[in-house]
Amino acid sequence: MSIQADHYNAGSQIASEVSGGVSISLPWFSEKKYSAAEREALDQVTAAQDTLDGVKNEALGRLKDQLQKSKHFITMLQSGPRDFRTRAHQAPGKP
């Protein structure tokens, strides 16, 4: 909603012309405009959700890799110093 008022001075008169108006937005007369905006917002939310899911999956993959490496090195340390050098060259992910 907006309200506007204007006046116009001509010569020495205080106000020779005065006008005013009221504007009210009625969304049910602009249904196409608002439904297009809603669809665009929904598309943006869907794209953001897809991006979030991708980042989550990437982070979980990296976390699993690090956990596997940590478990391997703990096993090597528990086996004793003699086997440490031999097993260090057989770390997961190394050819």
PDB file of N, CA and C in Angstrom:
ATOM      1  N   MET A   1       0.844  -1.163   0.000  1.00  0.00           N
ATOM      2  CA  MET A   1       0.000   0.000   0.000  1.00  0.00           C
ATOM      3  C   MET A   1       0.888   1.224   0.000  1.00  0.00           C
ATOM      4  N   SER A   2       0.534   2.197  -0.773  1.00  0.00           N
ATOM      5  CA  SER A   2       1.272   3.460  -0.770  1.00  0.00           C
ATOM      6  C   SER A   2       0.288   4.606  -0.921  1.00  0.00           C
ATOM      7  N   ILE A   3       0.630   5.737  -0.348  1.00  0.00           N
ATOM      8  CA  ILE A   3      -0.197   6.945  -0.438  1.00  0.00           C
ATOM      9  C   ILE A   3       0.679   8.050  -1.008  1.00  0.00           C
ATOM     10  N   GLN A   4       0.135   8.793  -1.959  1.00  0.00           N
ATOM     11  CA  GLN A   4       0.880   9.882  -2.583  1.00  0.00           C
ATOM     12  C   GLN A   4       0.023  11.136  -2.588  1.00  0.00           C
ATOM     13  N   ALA A   5       0.690  12.271  -2.468  1.00  0.00           N
ATOM     14  CA  ALA A   5      -0.004  13.558  -2.567  1.00  0.00           C
ATOM     15  C   ALA A   5       0.909  14.534  -3.283  1.00  0.00           C
ATOM     16  N   ASP A   6       0.344  15.338  -4.151  1.00  0.00           N
ATOM     17  CA  ASP A   6       1.093  16.346  -4.903  1.00  0.00           C
ATOM     18  C   ASP A   6       0.333  17.664  -4.849  1.00  0.00           C
ATOM     19  N   HIS A   7       1.069  18.752  -4.976  1.00  0.00           N
ATOM     20  CA  HIS A   7       0.412  20.047  -5.151  1.00  0.00           C
ATOM     21  C   HIS A   7       1.232  20.875  -6.133  1.00  0.00           C
ATOM     22  N   TYR A   8       0.559  21.814  -6.774  1.00  0.00           N
ATOM     23  CA  TYR A   8       1.185  22.622  -7.804  1.00  0.00           C
ATOM     24  C   TYR A   8       0.865  24.078  -7.537  1.00  0.00           C
ATOM     25  N   ASN A   9       1.882  24.928  -7.510  1.00  0.00           N
ATOM     26  CA  ASN A   9       1.701  26.359  -7.276  1.00  0.00           C
ATOM     27  C   ASN A   9       1.789  27.107  -8.602  1.00  0.00           C
ATOM     28  N   ALA A  10       0.832  27.939  -8.853  1.00  0.00           N
ATOM     29  CA  ALA A  10       0.848  28.781 -10.059  1.00  0.00           C
ATOM     30  C   ALA A  10       0.758  30.240  -9.621  1.00  0.00           C
ATOM     31  N   GLY A  11       1.755  30.970  -9.923  1.00  0.00           N
ATOM     32  CA  GLY A  11       1.773  32.405  -9.593  1.00  0.00           C
ATOM     33  C   GLY A  11       1.802  32.643  -8.106  1.00  0.00           C
ATOM     34  N   SER A  12       0.911  33.513  -7.615  1.00  0.00           N
ATOM     35  CA  SER A  12       0.921  33.909  -6.210  1.00  0.00           C
ATOM     36  C   SER A  12      -0.066  33.121  -5.361  1.00  0.00           C
ATOM     37  N   GLN A  13      -0.738  32.176  -5.927  1.00  0.00           N
ATOM     38  CA  GLN A  13      -1.702  31.381  -5.164  1.00  0.00           C
ATOM     39  C   GLN A  13      -0.967  30.382  -4.261  1.00  0.00           C
ATOM     40  N   ILE A  14      -1.562  30.075  -3.133  1.00  0.00           N
ATOM     41  CA  ILE A  14      -0.966  29.109  -2.208  1.00  0.00           C
ATOM     42  C   ILE A  14      -0.912  27.735  -2.863  1.00  0.00           C
ATOM     43  N   ALA A  15      -1.991  27.293  -3.394  1.00  0.00           N
ATOM     44  CA  ALA A  15      -2.028  26.021  -4.109  1.00  0.00           C
ATOM     45  C   ALA A  15      -3.149  26.117  -5.140  1.00  0.00           C
ATOM     46  N   SER A  16      -2.788  26.027  -6.387  1.00  0.00           N
ATOM     47  CA  SER A  16      -3.811  26.111  -7.426  1.00  0.00           C
ATOM     48  C   SER A  16      -4.330  24.733  -7.820  1.00  0.00           C
ATOM     49  N   GLU A  17      -3.569  23.688  -7.514  1.00  0.00           N
ATOM     50  CA  GLU A  17      -3.999  22.331  -7.862  1.00  0.00           C
ATOM     51  C   GLU A  17      -3.468  21.365  -6.808  1.00  0.00           C
ATOM     52  N   VAL A  18      -4.320  20.501  -6.321  1.00  0.00           N
ATOM     53  CA  VAL A  18      -3.937  19.496  -5.329  1.00  0.00           C
ATOM     54  C   VAL A  18      -4.483  18.154  -5.823  1.00  0.00           C
ATOM     55  N   SER A  19      -3.641  17.118  -5.730  1.00  0.00           N
ATOM     56  CA  SER A  19      -4.100  15.778  -6.120  1.00  0.00           C
ATOM     57  C   SER A  19      -3.560  14.757  -5.141  1.00  0.00           C
ATOM     58  N   GLY A  20      -4.190  13.627  -5.083  1.00  0.00           N
ATOM     59  CA  GLY A  20      -3.750  12.572  -4.181  1.00  0.00           C
ATOM     60  C   GLY A  20      -4.184  11.227  -4.715  1.00  0.00           C
ATOM     61  N   GLY A  21      -3.616  10.186  -4.168  1.00  0.00           N
ATOM     62  CA  GLY A  21      -3.982   8.858  -4.625  1.00  0.00           C
ATOM     63  C   GLY A  21      -3.574   7.795  -3.628  1.00  0.00           C
ATOM     64  N   VAL A  22      -4.191   6.650  -3.740  1.00  0.00           N
ATOM     65  CA  VAL A  22      -3.892   5.504  -2.888  1.00  0.00           C
ATOM     66  C   VAL A  22      -3.657   4.310  -3.806  1.00  0.00           C
ATOM     67  N   SER A  23      -2.606   3.565  -3.528  1.00  0.00           N
ATOM     68  CA  SER A  23      -2.281   2.385  -4.327  1.00  0.00           C
ATOM     69  C   SER A  23      -2.231   1.167  -3.413  1.00  0.00           C
ATOM     70  N   ILE A  24      -2.952   0.137  -3.789  1.00  0.00           N
ATOM     71  CA  ILE A  24      -2.979  -1.100  -3.008  1.00  0.00           C
ATOM     72  C   ILE A  24      -2.652  -2.249  -3.948  1.00  0.00           C
ATOM     73  N   SER A  25      -1.694  -3.090  -3.549  1.00  0.00           N
ATOM     74  CA  SER A  25      -1.335  -4.253  -4.343  1.00  0.00           C
ATOM     75  C   SER A  25      -2.283  -5.399  -4.013  1.00  0.00           C
ATOM     76  N   LEU A  26      -2.923  -5.942  -5.031  1.00  0.00           N
ATOM     77  CA  LEU A  26      -3.840  -7.057  -4.852  1.00  0.00           C
ATOM     78  C   LEU A  26      -3.251  -8.282  -5.548  1.00  0.00           C
ATOM     79  N   PRO A  27      -2.617  -9.165  -4.794  1.00  0.00           N
ATOM     80  CA  PRO A  27      -1.877 -10.280  -5.387  1.00  0.00           C
ATOM     81  C   PRO A  27      -2.739 -11.234  -6.209  1.00  0.00           C
ATOM     82  N   TRP A  28      -4.015 -11.383  -5.907  1.00  0.00           N
ATOM     83  CA  TRP A  28      -4.827 -12.340  -6.666  1.00  0.00           C
ATOM     84  C   TRP A  28      -5.095 -11.873  -8.092  1.00  0.00           C
ATOM     85  N   PHE A  29      -4.805 -10.592  -8.390  1.00  0.00           N
ATOM     86  CA  PHE A  29      -4.906 -10.120  -9.763  1.00  0.00           C
ATOM     87  C   PHE A  29      -3.584 -10.280 -10.521  1.00  0.00           C
ATOM     88  N   SER A  30      -2.516 -10.592  -9.796  1.00  0.00           N
ATOM     89  CA  SER A  30      -1.188 -10.801 -10.394  1.00  0.00           C
ATOM     90  C   SER A  30      -0.704 -12.214 -10.112  1.00  0.00           C
ATOM     91  N   GLU A  31      -1.583 -13.180 -10.256  1.00  0.00           N
ATOM     92  CA  GLU A  31      -1.263 -14.568  -9.890  1.00  0.00           C
ATOM     93  C   GLU A  31      -0.078 -15.116 -10.671  1.00  0.00           C
ATOM     94  N   LYS A  32      -0.005 -14.820 -11.968  1.00  0.00           N
ATOM     95  CA  LYS A  32       1.109 -15.327 -12.774  1.00  0.00           C
ATOM     96  C   LYS A  32       2.442 -14.796 -12.265  1.00  0.00           C
ATOM     97  N   LYS A  33       2.465 -13.520 -11.932  1.00  0.00           N
ATOM     98  CA  LYS A  33       3.695 -12.892 -11.443  1.00  0.00           C
ATOM     99  C   LYS A  33       4.156 -13.568 -10.147  1.00  0.00           C
ATOM    100  N   TYR A  34       3.251 -13.749  -9.212  1.00  0.00           N
ATOM    101  CA  TYR A  34       3.615 -14.320  -7.924  1.00  0.00           C
ATOM    102  C   TYR A  34       3.919 -15.815  -8.021  1.00  0.00           C
ATOM    103  N   SER A  35       3.196 -16.541  -8.850  1.00  0.00           N
ATOM    104  CA  SER A  35       3.474 -17.970  -8.976  1.00  0.00           C
ATOM    105  C   SER A  35       4.820 -18.198  -9.664  1.00  0.00           C
ATOM    106  N   ALA A  36       5.197 -17.326 -10.600  1.00  0.00           N
ATOM    107  CA  ALA A  36       6.521 -17.437 -11.229  1.00  0.00           C
ATOM    108  C   ALA A  36       7.617 -17.179 -10.198  1.00  0.00           C
ATOM    109  N   ALA A  37       7.410 -16.211  -9.332  1.00  0.00           N
ATOM    110  CA  ALA A  37       8.396 -15.914  -8.280  1.00  0.00           C
ATOM    111  C   ALA A  37       8.502 -17.084  -7.300  1.00  0.00           C
ATOM    112  N   GLU A  38       7.374 -17.707  -6.993  1.00  0.00           N
ATOM    113  CA  GLU A  38       7.397 -18.868  -6.092  1.00  0.00           C
ATOM    114  C   GLU A  38       8.142 -20.035  -6.724  1.00  0.00           C
ATOM    115  N   ARG A  39       7.908 -20.276  -8.025  1.00  0.00           N
ATOM    116  CA  ARG A  39       8.617 -21.366  -8.716  1.00  0.00           C
ATOM    117  C   ARG A  39      10.117 -21.102  -8.742  1.00  0.00           C
ATOM    118  N   GLU A  40      10.494 -19.851  -8.997  1.00  0.00           N
ATOM    119  CA  GLU A  40      11.922 -19.509  -9.032  1.00  0.00           C
ATOM    120  C   GLU A  40      12.559 -19.719  -7.659  1.00  0.00           C
ATOM    121  N   ALA A  41      11.867 -19.305  -6.608  1.00  0.00           N
ATOM    122  CA  ALA A  41      12.392 -19.494  -5.248  1.00  0.00           C
ATOM    123  C   ALA A  41      12.514 -20.980  -4.920  1.00  0.00           C
ATOM    124  N   LEU A  42      11.527 -21.777  -5.323  1.00  0.00           N
ATOM    125  CA  LEU A  42      11.576 -23.212  -5.081  1.00  0.00           C
ATOM    126  C   LEU A  42      12.734 -23.857  -5.836  1.00  0.00           C
ATOM    127  N   ASP A  43      12.983 -23.409  -7.067  1.00  0.00           N
ATOM    128  CA  ASP A  43      14.124 -23.919  -7.837  1.00  0.00           C
ATOM    129  C   ASP A  43      15.446 -23.593  -7.144  1.00  0.00           C
ATOM    130  N   GLN A  44      15.537 -22.403  -6.580  1.00  0.00           N
ATOM    131  CA  GLN A  44      16.758 -22.007  -5.869  1.00  0.00           C
ATOM    132  C   GLN A  44      16.957 -22.855  -4.619  1.00  0.00           C
ATOM    133  N   VAL A  45      15.879 -23.130  -3.910  1.00  0.00           N
ATOM    134  CA  VAL A  45      15.973 -23.975  -2.702  1.00  0.00           C
ATOM    135  C   VAL A  45      16.408 -25.389  -3.086  1.00  0.00           C
ATOM    136  N   THR A  46      15.845 -25.915  -4.173  1.00  0.00           N
ATOM    137  CA  THR A  46      16.207 -27.261  -4.632  1.00  0.00           C
ATOM    138  C   THR A  46      17.676 -27.319  -5.034  1.00  0.00           C
ATOM    139  N   ALA A  47      18.146 -26.297  -5.751  1.00  0.00           N
ATOM    140  CA  ALA A  47      19.558 -26.261  -6.157  1.00  0.00           C
ATOM    141  C   ALA A  47      20.475 -26.173  -4.937  1.00  0.00           C
ATOM    142  N   ALA A  48      20.087 -25.378  -3.955  1.00  0.00           N
ATOM    143  CA  ALA A  48      20.897 -25.257  -2.733  1.00  0.00           C
ATOM    144  C   ALA A  48      20.932 -26.585  -1.975  1.00  0.00           C
ATOM    145  N   GLN A  49      19.808 -27.287  -1.932  1.00  0.00           N
ATOM    146  CA  GLN A  49      19.753 -28.586  -1.257  1.00  0.00           C
ATOM    147  C   GLN A  49      20.648 -29.603  -1.963  1.00  0.00           C
ATOM    148  N   ASP A  50      20.623 -29.590  -3.301  1.00  0.00           N
ATOM    149  CA  ASP A  50      21.482 -30.499  -4.067  1.00  0.00           C
ATOM    150  C   ASP A  50      22.957 -30.207  -3.811  1.00  0.00           C
ATOM    151  N   THR A  51      23.313 -28.935  -3.752  1.00  0.00           N
ATOM    152  CA  THR A  51      24.697 -28.551  -3.465  1.00  0.00           C
ATOM    153  C   THR A  51      25.097 -29.014  -2.067  1.00  0.00           C
ATOM    154  N   LEU A  52      24.211 -28.814  -1.113  1.00  0.00           N
ATOM    155  CA  LEU A  52      24.481 -29.242   0.259  1.00  0.00           C
ATOM    156  C   LEU A  52      24.690 -30.751   0.336  1.00  0.00           C
ATOM    157  N   ASP A  53      23.846 -31.505  -0.347  1.00  0.00           N
ATOM    158  CA  ASP A  53      23.989 -32.964  -0.353  1.00  0.00           C
ATOM    159  C   ASP A  53      25.333 -33.380  -0.949  1.00  0.00           C
ATOM    160  N   GLY A  54      25.757 -32.720  -2.031  1.00  0.00           N
ATOM    161  CA  GLY A  54      27.044 -33.036  -2.642  1.00  0.00           C
ATOM    162  C   GLY A  54      28.204 -32.753  -1.708  1.00  0.00           C
ATOM    163  N   VAL A  55      28.147 -31.628  -1.020  1.00  0.00           N
ATOM    164  CA  VAL A  55      29.217 -31.264  -0.082  1.00  0.00           C
ATOM    165  C   VAL A  55      29.246 -32.239   1.096  1.00  0.00           C
ATOM    166  N   LYS A  56      28.069 -32.631   1.578  1.00  0.00           N
ATOM    167  CA  LYS A  56      28.010 -33.606   2.681  1.00  0.00           C
ATOM    168  C   LYS A  56      28.647 -34.935   2.265  1.00  0.00           C
ATOM    169  N   ASN A  57      28.285 -35.413   1.074  1.00  0.00           N
ATOM    170  CA  ASN A  57      28.828 -36.689   0.602  1.00  0.00           C
ATOM    171  C   ASN A  57      30.342 -36.621   0.433  1.00  0.00           C
ATOM    172  N   GLU A  58      30.838 -35.514  -0.091  1.00  0.00           N
ATOM    173  CA  GLU A  58      32.287 -35.349  -0.256  1.00  0.00           C
ATOM    174  C   GLU A  58      32.989 -35.344   1.099  1.00  0.00           C
ATOM    175  N   ALA A  59      32.415 -34.625   2.061  1.00  0.00           N
ATOM    176  CA  ALA A  59      33.014 -34.562   3.403  1.00  0.00           C
ATOM    177  C   ALA A  59      33.009 -35.940   4.068  1.00  0.00           C
ATOM    178  N   LEU A  60      31.910 -36.678   3.927  1.00  0.00           N
ATOM    179  CA  LEU A  60      31.858 -38.021   4.519  1.00  0.00           C
ATOM    180  C   LEU A  60      32.866 -38.959   3.871  1.00  0.00           C
ATOM    181  N   GLY A  61      33.053 -38.845   2.560  1.00  0.00           N
ATOM    182  CA  GLY A  61      34.051 -39.663   1.874  1.00  0.00           C
ATOM    183  C   GLY A  61      35.451 -39.382   2.380  1.00  0.00           C
ATOM    184  N   ARG A  62      35.765 -38.108   2.543  1.00  0.00           N
ATOM    185  CA  ARG A  62      37.093 -37.748   3.064  1.00  0.00           C
ATOM    186  C   ARG A  62      37.280 -38.226   4.492  1.00  0.00           C
ATOM    187  N   LEU A  63      36.220 -38.104   5.289  1.00  0.00           N
ATOM    188  CA  LEU A  63      36.295 -38.556   6.677  1.00  0.00           C
ATOM    189  C   LEU A  63      36.528 -40.068   6.753  1.00  0.00           C
ATOM    190  N   LYS A  64      35.831 -40.820   5.909  1.00  0.00           N
ATOM    191  CA  LYS A  64      36.025 -42.278   5.883  1.00  0.00           C
ATOM    192  C   LYS A  64      37.448 -42.638   5.482  1.00  0.00           C
ATOM    193  N   ASP A  65      38.008 -41.939   4.491  1.00  0.00           N
ATOM    194  CA  ASP A  65      39.390 -42.200   4.072  1.00  0.00           C
ATOM    195  C   ASP A  65      40.367 -41.946   5.218  1.00  0.00           C
ATOM    196  N   GLN A  66      40.193 -40.837   5.909  1.00  0.00           N
ATOM    197  CA  GLN A  66      41.093 -40.517   7.019  1.00  0.00           C
ATOM    198  C   GLN A  66      40.942 -41.522   8.155  1.00  0.00           C
ATOM    199  N   LEU A  67      39.724 -41.948   8.417  1.00  0.00           N
ATOM    200  CA  LEU A  67      39.491 -42.938   9.474  1.00  0.00           C
ATOM    201  C   LEU A  67      40.172 -44.258   9.128  1.00  0.00           C
ATOM    202  N   GLN A  68      40.081 -44.673   7.877  1.00  0.00           N
ATOM    203  CA  GLN A  68      40.732 -45.914   7.443  1.00  0.00           C
ATOM    204  C   GLN A  68      42.246 -45.803   7.590  1.00  0.00           C
ATOM    205  N   LYS A  69      42.817 -44.667   7.210  1.00  0.00           N
ATOM    206  CA  LYS A  69      44.267 -44.483   7.351  1.00  0.00           C
ATOM    207  C   LYS A  69      44.669 -44.497   8.819  1.00  0.00           C
ATOM    208  N   SER A  70      43.853 -43.851   9.666  1.00  0.00           N
ATOM    209  CA  SER A  70      44.165 -43.815  11.100  1.00  0.00           C
ATOM    210  C   SER A  70      44.138 -45.212  11.697  1.00  0.00           C
ATOM    211  N   LYS A  71      43.133 -46.002  11.327  1.00  0.00           N
ATOM    212  CA  LYS A  71      43.050 -47.375  11.837  1.00  0.00           C
ATOM    213  C   LYS A  71      44.258 -48.199  11.392  1.00  0.00           C
ATOM    214  N   HIS A  72      44.684 -47.999  10.153  1.00  0.00           N
ATOM    215  CA  HIS A  72      45.844 -48.730   9.646  1.00  0.00           C
ATOM    216  C   HIS A  72      47.096 -48.375  10.451  1.00  0.00           C
ATOM    217  N   PHE A  73      47.319 -47.103  10.715  1.00  0.00           N
ATOM    218  CA  PHE A  73      48.511 -46.701  11.449  1.00  0.00           C
ATOM    219  C   PHE A  73      48.453 -47.130  12.909  1.00  0.00           C
ATOM    220  N   ILE A  74      47.268 -47.167  13.493  1.00  0.00           N
ATOM    221  CA  ILE A  74      47.142 -47.672  14.866  1.00  0.00           C
ATOM    222  C   ILE A  74      47.510 -49.154  14.903  1.00  0.00           C
ATOM    223  N   THR A  75      47.046 -49.897  13.930  1.00  0.00           N
ATOM    224  CA  THR A  75      47.389 -51.326  13.846  1.00  0.00           C
ATOM    225  C   THR A  75      48.894 -51.507  13.708  1.00  0.00           C
ATOM    226  N   MET A  76      49.525 -50.682  12.892  1.00  0.00           N
ATOM    227  CA  MET A  76      50.987 -50.768  12.706  1.00  0.00           C
ATOM    228  C   MET A  76      51.716 -50.461  14.006  1.00  0.00           C
ATOM    229  N   LEU A  77      51.259 -49.444  14.731  1.00  0.00           N
ATOM    230  CA  LEU A  77      51.926 -49.077  15.987  1.00  0.00           C
ATOM    231  C   LEU A  77      51.757 -50.175  17.036  1.00  0.00           C
ATOM    232  N   GLN A  78      50.596 -50.805  17.041  1.00  0.00           N
ATOM    233  CA  GLN A  78      50.347 -51.869  18.022  1.00  0.00           C
ATOM    234  C   GLN A  78      51.137 -53.133  17.708  1.00  0.00           C
ATOM    235  N   SER A  79      51.513 -53.337  16.464  1.00  0.00           N
ATOM    236  CA  SER A  79      52.219 -54.558  16.089  1.00  0.00           C
ATOM    237  C   SER A  79      53.684 -54.542  16.521  1.00  0.00           C
ATOM    238  N   GLY A  80      54.212 -53.387  16.835  1.00  0.00           N
ATOM    239  CA  GLY A  80      55.587 -53.325  17.315  1.00  0.00           C
ATOM    240  C   GLY A  80      56.487 -52.606  16.331  1.00  0.00           C
ATOM    241  N   PRO A  81      57.656 -52.174  16.805  1.00  0.00           N
ATOM    242  CA  PRO A  81      58.559 -51.387  15.965  1.00  0.00           C
ATOM    243  C   PRO A  81      59.145 -52.160  14.794  1.00  0.00           C
ATOM    244  N   ARG A  82      59.290 -53.484  14.920  1.00  0.00           N
ATOM    245  CA  ARG A  82      59.914 -54.262  13.860  1.00  0.00           C
ATOM    246  C   ARG A  82      59.037 -54.289  12.596  1.00  0.00           C
ATOM    247  N   ASP A  83      57.738 -54.464  12.788  1.00  0.00           N
ATOM    248  CA  ASP A  83      56.813 -54.549  11.667  1.00  0.00           C
ATOM    249  C   ASP A  83      56.405 -53.169  11.139  1.00  0.00           C
ATOM    250  N   PHE A  84      56.710 -52.125  11.881  1.00  0.00           N
ATOM    251  CA  PHE A  84      56.268 -50.779  11.498  1.00  0.00           C
ATOM    252  C   PHE A  84      56.803 -50.372  10.134  1.00  0.00           C
ATOM    253  N   ARG A  85      58.100 -50.568   9.897  1.00  0.00           N
ATOM    254  CA  ARG A  85      58.693 -50.172   8.611  1.00  0.00           C
ATOM    255  C   ARG A  85      58.114 -50.969   7.451  1.00  0.00           C
ATOM    256  N   THR A  86      57.904 -52.240   7.656  1.00  0.00           N
ATOM    257  CA  THR A  86      57.365 -53.092   6.594  1.00  0.00           C
ATOM    258  C   THR A  86      55.941 -52.686   6.254  1.00  0.00           C
ATOM    259  N   ARG A  87      55.125 -52.507   7.255  1.00  0.00           N
ATOM    260  CA  ARG A  87      53.714 -52.187   7.033  1.00  0.00           C
ATOM    261  C   ARG A  87      53.504 -50.738   6.578  1.00  0.00           C
ATOM    262  N   ALA A  88      54.409 -49.856   6.889  1.00  0.00           N
ATOM    263  CA  ALA A  88      54.279 -48.470   6.478  1.00  0.00           C
ATOM    264  C   ALA A  88      54.262 -48.340   4.965  1.00  0.00           C
ATOM    265  N   HIS A  89      54.936 -49.215   4.292  1.00  0.00           N
ATOM    266  CA  HIS A  89      54.967 -49.192   2.836  1.00  0.00           C
ATOM    267  C   HIS A  89      53.725 -49.835   2.242  1.00  0.00           C
ATOM    268  N   GLN A  90      52.907 -50.494   3.058  1.00  0.00           N
ATOM    269  CA  GLN A  90      51.704 -51.139   2.569  1.00  0.00           C
ATOM    270  C   GLN A  90      50.442 -50.383   3.006  1.00  0.00           C
ATOM    271  N   ALA A  91      50.552 -49.083   3.210  1.00  0.00           N
ATOM    272  CA  ALA A  91      49.430 -48.270   3.658  1.00  0.00           C
ATOM    273  C   ALA A  91      48.293 -48.312   2.638  1.00  0.00           C
ATOM    274  N   PRO A  92      47.058 -48.265   3.113  1.00  0.00           N
ATOM    275  CA  PRO A  92      45.907 -48.291   2.189  1.00  0.00           C
ATOM    276  C   PRO A  92      45.986 -47.133   1.200  1.00  0.00           C
ATOM    277  N   GLY A  93      45.642 -47.422  -0.017  1.00  0.00           N
ATOM    278  CA  GLY A  93      45.649 -46.381  -1.036  1.00  0.00           C
ATOM    279  C   GLY A  93      46.976 -46.209  -1.735  1.00  0.00           C
ATOM    280  N   LYS A  94      48.008 -46.900  -1.266  1.00  0.00           N
ATOM    281  CA  LYS A  94      49.326 -46.806  -1.934  1.00  0.00           C
ATOM    282  C   LYS A  94      49.506 -48.033  -2.794  1.00  0.00           C
ATOM    283  N   PRO A  95      50.113 -47.866  -3.984  1.00  0.00           N
ATOM    284  CA  PRO A  95      50.336 -49.022  -4.866  1.00  0.00           C
ATOM    285  C   PRO A  95      51.406 -49.960  -4.350  1.00  0.00           C
TER     286      PRO A  95
END
